Amino acid sequence: MADAILLDDRGVVEVAGADAARFLHSLLTNDILSLRPGEARFCALLTPQGKIIGDFLTFAEGAGDKRRFLLDCPRALLGELRKRLSFYKLRAEVTIADRSEELASFAYLDAEPPEAAATARARDPRALALGWRALAAKGAIAASGDRAAYDARRIEAGVPEGGVDFAYGDAFPHEANMDLLAGVDFKKGCFVGQEVVARMQHRGLARKRVAPYRAEGVAPAPGQAILAGDKELGVTGSAGAGRGLALIRLDRLEEARAGGLSPSAGGTRLEFVEPTG
C-alpha cells in the first residue's frame, strides 16, 4: 500500500456555486474553466502589482451548478485567502468556505492515492517527482509516510514553499518559479496582476529566483545570507539532507561563477544545481 504523507500545515478553502469556475478563472494565474475532476492546477492569487498573495493546488469536483473547487493552501493563509476572494465576489453566485476541519491534505510520492478514500486526488502538477496529492475526509486515510521524505523531494525538484523560500506579498510568480512549475497560463487571458507577470515573461525581467543547491556538509538553516566574496547573493530557505533552496540574485550568481568565487552561507560552501523536476 502506498505511504500517505499528512501535510498538516495545509488547509482547504472551498469555492462553490454556479459562477465558481468563471469567478476563479478571472482571478487566478491558471486556467480553471478547463479543470476537471481527477486533475489539479497550481495557481496563485496576486495583488494588482503582480505579487503573490497565496499559492495553492486547485481541485475540481462535480459538474454544472453542483461544481465546486477545493483550494489546498498553506494553513497560515486561510484567513487572508478567504478575505481576498470575498473582496472580489461582488454579485457572483459563489460561496467561499473554510473546509479545513473536515478535509486533510496528503502527498503520495510513489503511487496513486486510494480512489475510494479520497474526496479529490490528482498528480501534483508542479513536478513529476512529487507524485500525487489527495484531499480526504479526516480519518479516512491513515498517515504512514515521512514528511521529511516529501520535503526532500520538493527541495530536489526546486519547488519552493511560501513563507520559507519566499515572502508572501513580496515575491513575483517568476521569483517563486511558478512559470517553471505549471503555475501560470500565459494564454488564458486576464487575471489579477496579469499585465505585470506577462511583461516579466516576455522581457525576461526576473532578477531573482528560488534555486536548489547542494551543501558541502549540513545545509544551512533558513534565513542565512549567501555570500560570494564581499557580495551578498541572496538568502537560504528550505533545507535538509545536504540540500536546500535559496532565493538568489541571478546576475550576482553568474558574476560569482565568472570570477571563480564559491557561494557560501554560515561558512558552508553551496553548489547551485539544476532542479530534478
Protein backbone atom coordinates (compact mmCIF):
# COMPACT_ATOMS: atom_id res chain seq x y z
CA MET A 1 0.00 0.00 0.00
CA ALA A 2 1.23 3.49 -0.83
CA ASP A 3 2.51 5.63 2.02
CA ALA A 4 0.28 8.63 2.74
CA ILE A 5 2.19 11.67 3.99
CA LEU A 6 -0.02 14.00 6.02
CA LEU A 7 0.63 17.67 5.21
CA ASP A 8 -0.75 19.08 8.43
CA ASP A 9 0.35 22.63 7.64
CA ARG A 10 -2.19 22.77 4.80
CA GLY A 11 -5.81 23.93 4.84
CA VAL A 12 -8.68 23.80 2.36
CA VAL A 13 -10.86 26.62 1.04
CA GLU A 14 -13.98 25.63 -0.89
CA VAL A 15 -15.36 27.85 -3.66
CA ALA A 16 -18.74 26.63 -4.92
CA GLY A 17 -21.77 27.85 -6.81
CA ALA A 18 -22.98 28.47 -10.35
CA ASP A 19 -20.34 31.14 -11.04
CA ALA A 20 -17.44 29.43 -9.23
CA ALA A 21 -15.45 28.42 -12.32
CA ARG A 22 -15.73 31.81 -14.04
CA PHE A 23 -15.08 33.63 -10.76
CA LEU A 24 -11.81 31.79 -10.07
CA HIS A 25 -10.72 31.81 -13.72
CA SER A 26 -10.92 35.62 -13.78
CA LEU A 27 -8.73 35.94 -10.68
CA LEU A 28 -6.12 33.17 -10.65
CA THR A 29 -2.92 32.65 -12.62
CA ASN A 30 -4.07 29.37 -14.16
CA ASP A 31 -6.91 28.06 -16.33
CA ILE A 32 -9.85 26.99 -14.17
CA LEU A 33 -12.54 26.72 -16.85
CA SER A 34 -10.95 23.56 -18.30
CA LEU A 35 -10.15 21.96 -14.92
CA ARG A 36 -11.86 18.60 -14.47
CA PRO A 37 -12.20 16.07 -11.63
CA GLY A 38 -9.04 13.97 -11.41
CA GLU A 39 -6.83 16.97 -12.21
CA ALA A 40 -5.19 19.68 -10.13
CA ARG A 41 -3.83 23.06 -11.15
CA PHE A 42 -1.10 25.02 -9.39
CA CYS A 43 -2.40 28.58 -9.02
CA ALA A 44 -1.84 31.84 -7.23
CA LEU A 45 -3.90 34.86 -6.34
CA LEU A 46 -1.86 38.01 -6.94
CA THR A 47 -2.03 41.65 -6.00
CA PRO A 48 -2.73 44.09 -8.85
CA GLN A 49 1.05 44.74 -8.77
CA GLY A 50 1.71 41.06 -9.55
CA LYS A 51 2.92 39.93 -6.10
CA ILE A 52 1.83 36.56 -4.69
CA ILE A 53 -0.88 36.78 -2.01
CA GLY A 54 -1.17 32.99 -1.82
CA ASP A 55 -0.34 29.90 -3.89
CA PHE A 56 -2.26 26.62 -3.81
CA LEU A 57 -3.34 23.49 -5.66
CA THR A 58 -6.88 23.68 -7.02
CA PHE A 59 -9.04 20.56 -7.39
CA ALA A 60 -12.43 20.35 -9.15
CA GLU A 61 -15.40 18.27 -8.05
CA GLY A 62 -18.85 17.69 -9.54
CA ALA A 63 -20.42 19.30 -12.59
CA GLY A 64 -22.71 22.16 -13.54
CA ASP A 65 -24.28 24.05 -10.65
CA LYS A 66 -23.03 21.31 -8.31
CA ARG A 67 -19.42 22.02 -9.26
CA ARG A 68 -17.06 23.09 -6.51
CA PHE A 69 -13.37 23.84 -6.27
CA LEU A 70 -11.11 22.89 -3.37
CA LEU A 71 -8.06 25.09 -2.83
CA ASP A 72 -5.30 23.20 -0.99
CA CYS A 73 -3.35 26.09 0.55
CA PRO A 74 -0.96 26.85 3.43
CA ARG A 75 -2.99 26.83 6.65
CA ALA A 76 -1.44 30.14 7.66
CA LEU A 77 -3.05 31.79 4.59
CA LEU A 78 -6.62 30.58 5.13
CA GLY A 79 -7.94 33.81 6.58
CA GLU A 80 -6.21 36.10 4.11
CA LEU A 81 -7.18 33.98 1.10
CA ARG A 82 -10.86 33.89 2.09
CA LYS A 83 -10.79 37.64 2.74
CA ARG A 84 -9.24 38.45 -0.65
CA LEU A 85 -11.56 36.13 -2.57
CA SER A 86 -14.57 37.61 -0.78
CA PHE A 87 -13.41 41.09 -1.77
CA TYR A 88 -13.77 40.14 -5.44
CA LYS A 89 -17.06 38.27 -5.02
CA LEU A 90 -19.38 41.26 -5.63
CA ARG A 91 -22.54 39.76 -7.22
CA ALA A 92 -21.04 36.47 -8.31
CA GLU A 93 -23.11 33.43 -7.32
CA VAL A 94 -20.40 31.75 -5.23
CA THR A 95 -19.84 30.67 -1.66
CA ILE A 96 -16.41 30.71 -0.03
CA ALA A 97 -15.88 28.46 2.98
CA ASP A 98 -13.09 27.02 5.14
CA ARG A 99 -13.21 23.20 4.98
CA SER A 100 -10.00 22.61 6.94
CA GLU A 101 -11.78 20.99 9.88
CA GLU A 102 -13.33 18.42 7.53
CA LEU A 103 -10.60 17.73 4.96
CA ALA A 104 -6.90 16.86 5.25
CA SER A 105 -4.17 17.08 2.61
CA PHE A 106 -1.88 14.16 1.74
CA ALA A 107 1.11 13.58 -0.54
CA TYR A 108 1.83 10.20 -2.18
CA LEU A 109 5.31 10.15 -3.63
CA ASP A 110 5.45 6.84 -5.48
CA ALA A 111 1.92 5.54 -6.03
CA GLU A 112 -1.67 6.68 -6.55
CA PRO A 113 -3.87 7.51 -3.55
CA PRO A 114 -6.75 5.07 -2.97
CA GLU A 115 -9.68 6.35 -5.03
CA ALA A 116 -12.33 5.18 -2.58
CA ALA A 117 -10.84 7.10 0.35
CA ALA A 118 -10.10 10.40 -1.41
CA THR A 119 -12.50 13.29 -1.83
CA ALA A 120 -10.24 14.60 -4.60
CA ARG A 121 -6.96 13.29 -5.98
CA ALA A 122 -4.60 14.17 -8.83
CA ARG A 123 -0.99 14.14 -9.88
CA ASP A 124 0.94 17.03 -8.40
CA PRO A 125 1.17 19.35 -11.42
CA ARG A 126 4.37 21.08 -10.26
CA ALA A 127 6.86 18.22 -10.67
CA LEU A 128 6.78 14.50 -11.52
CA ALA A 129 8.99 13.79 -8.50
CA LEU A 130 6.21 14.95 -6.17
CA GLY A 131 3.88 12.15 -7.23
CA TRP A 132 0.23 12.54 -6.27
CA ARG A 133 -1.84 14.74 -3.97
CA ALA A 134 -5.13 13.89 -2.27
CA LEU A 135 -7.74 15.58 -0.15
CA ALA A 136 -9.70 13.28 2.13
CA ALA A 137 -12.15 13.47 5.00
CA LYS A 138 -10.29 13.48 8.28
CA GLY A 139 -9.86 9.90 9.48
CA ALA A 140 -10.46 8.39 6.04
CA ILE A 141 -6.73 7.91 5.34
CA ALA A 142 -4.13 6.74 7.85
CA ALA A 143 -0.90 8.71 7.56
CA SER A 144 2.08 6.36 7.27
CA GLY A 145 4.70 8.32 5.33
CA ASP A 146 7.56 10.58 6.43
CA ARG A 147 7.12 14.33 5.91
CA ALA A 148 10.90 14.71 5.61
CA ALA A 149 10.80 12.48 2.51
CA TYR A 150 8.28 14.80 0.87
CA ASP A 151 10.33 17.89 1.69
CA ALA A 152 13.50 16.25 0.35
CA ARG A 153 11.75 15.56 -2.98
CA ARG A 154 10.35 19.08 -3.05
CA ILE A 155 13.75 20.65 -2.46
CA GLU A 156 15.48 18.49 -5.05
CA ALA A 157 12.79 19.34 -7.60
CA GLY A 158 13.22 23.07 -6.95
CA VAL A 159 9.68 23.60 -5.64
CA PRO A 160 9.59 26.49 -3.14
CA GLU A 161 7.45 26.75 -0.04
CA GLY A 162 5.93 30.14 0.62
CA GLY A 163 6.89 31.73 3.90
CA VAL A 164 10.20 29.84 3.92
CA ASP A 165 11.65 30.26 0.42
CA PHE A 166 9.89 33.49 -0.50
CA ALA A 167 7.70 36.03 1.29
CA TYR A 168 4.01 36.28 0.50
CA GLY A 169 3.10 39.78 -0.59
CA ASP A 170 6.66 40.47 -1.74
CA ALA A 171 7.50 37.92 -4.46
CA PHE A 172 6.53 37.75 -8.12
CA PRO A 173 5.46 34.38 -9.61
CA HIS A 174 8.71 34.15 -11.62
CA GLU A 175 10.78 34.57 -8.45
CA ALA A 176 8.91 31.62 -6.90
CA ASN A 177 9.38 29.54 -10.10
CA MET A 178 5.65 29.43 -10.84
CA ASP A 179 6.38 29.88 -14.55
CA LEU A 180 8.55 26.74 -14.44
CA LEU A 181 6.13 24.72 -12.30
CA ALA A 182 2.98 24.96 -14.45
CA GLY A 183 1.61 27.68 -12.19
CA VAL A 184 0.90 30.37 -14.80
CA ASP A 185 -1.09 30.03 -18.00
CA PHE A 186 0.20 32.82 -20.24
CA LYS A 187 -2.52 32.16 -22.85
CA LYS A 188 -5.64 32.24 -20.65
CA GLY A 189 -6.20 35.99 -20.75
CA CYS A 190 -6.74 38.39 -17.91
CA PHE A 191 -6.27 37.69 -14.22
CA VAL A 192 -5.35 39.95 -11.34
CA GLY A 193 -1.74 41.11 -11.82
CA GLN A 194 -1.60 39.63 -15.35
CA GLU A 195 -0.02 42.65 -17.05
CA VAL A 196 2.99 42.66 -14.71
CA VAL A 197 3.51 38.89 -14.98
CA ALA A 198 3.22 38.94 -18.78
CA ARG A 199 5.74 41.77 -19.00
CA MET A 200 8.23 39.86 -16.86
CA GLN A 201 7.75 36.79 -19.05
CA HIS A 202 8.19 38.50 -22.41
CA ARG A 203 11.00 40.83 -21.38
CA GLY A 204 12.90 38.37 -19.21
CA LEU A 205 12.82 40.73 -16.23
CA ALA A 206 13.10 38.19 -13.41
CA ARG A 207 16.25 39.17 -11.46
CA LYS A 208 15.75 36.71 -8.61
CA ARG A 209 14.70 33.07 -8.40
CA VAL A 210 14.48 30.29 -5.88
CA ALA A 211 17.25 27.85 -6.85
CA PRO A 212 18.29 24.44 -5.45
CA TYR A 213 21.80 23.83 -4.13
CA ARG A 214 23.99 21.09 -2.66
CA ALA A 215 25.86 21.91 0.54
CA GLU A 216 29.32 20.71 1.48
CA GLY A 217 28.10 19.35 4.79
CA VAL A 218 24.89 20.21 6.63
CA ALA A 219 22.67 22.60 4.69
CA PRO A 220 22.40 25.97 6.47
CA ALA A 221 19.19 26.90 8.27
CA PRO A 222 16.68 29.19 6.54
CA GLY A 223 17.42 32.90 6.63
CA GLN A 224 21.21 32.75 6.24
CA ALA A 225 22.85 35.32 3.96
CA ILE A 226 24.62 33.81 0.94
CA LEU A 227 27.93 35.47 0.12
CA ALA A 228 30.46 35.26 -2.70
CA GLY A 229 33.46 37.34 -1.79
CA ASP A 230 32.08 40.57 -0.36
CA LYS A 231 28.79 40.45 -2.31
CA GLU A 232 25.52 39.12 -0.98
CA LEU A 233 23.77 36.84 -3.49
CA GLY A 234 20.61 36.02 -1.58
CA VAL A 235 19.25 34.11 1.39
CA THR A 236 18.77 30.43 2.23
CA GLY A 237 15.37 28.80 2.56
CA SER A 238 14.21 25.18 2.89
CA ALA A 239 16.99 22.76 3.89
CA GLY A 240 17.54 19.09 4.59
CA ALA A 241 19.94 16.20 3.97
CA GLY A 242 22.70 18.34 2.47
CA ARG A 243 20.40 20.09 0.01
CA GLY A 244 18.41 23.29 0.10
CA LEU A 245 16.71 26.11 -1.72
CA ALA A 246 17.74 29.75 -1.80
CA LEU A 247 16.29 32.95 -3.20
CA ILE A 248 19.20 34.41 -5.15
CA ARG A 249 20.07 37.25 -7.48
CA LEU A 250 20.75 35.55 -10.81
CA ASP A 251 23.13 38.21 -12.07
CA ARG A 252 25.27 38.07 -8.93
CA LEU A 253 25.43 34.29 -9.07
CA GLU A 254 26.70 34.48 -12.66
CA GLU A 255 29.26 37.12 -11.68
CA ALA A 256 30.50 34.89 -8.86
CA ARG A 257 30.83 31.92 -11.20
CA ALA A 258 32.65 34.02 -13.80
CA GLY A 259 35.04 35.23 -11.11
CA GLY A 260 35.71 31.73 -9.77
CA LEU A 261 34.05 32.53 -6.42
CA SER A 262 32.12 29.88 -4.48
CA PRO A 263 28.90 30.95 -2.76
CA SER A 264 28.63 30.09 0.92
CA ALA A 265 26.29 30.62 3.85
CA GLY A 266 27.34 30.43 7.50
CA GLY A 267 30.71 29.08 6.40
CA THR A 268 29.20 26.23 4.35
CA ARG A 269 30.01 26.12 0.65
CA LEU A 270 26.98 25.87 -1.67
CA GLU A 271 26.87 24.49 -5.20
CA PHE A 272 23.83 25.64 -7.14
CA VAL A 273 22.37 22.92 -9.38
CA GLU A 274 19.51 22.40 -11.82
CA PRO A 275 16.25 21.14 -10.29
CA THR A 276 15.39 17.50 -10.94
CA GLY A 277 11.77 18.28 -11.82
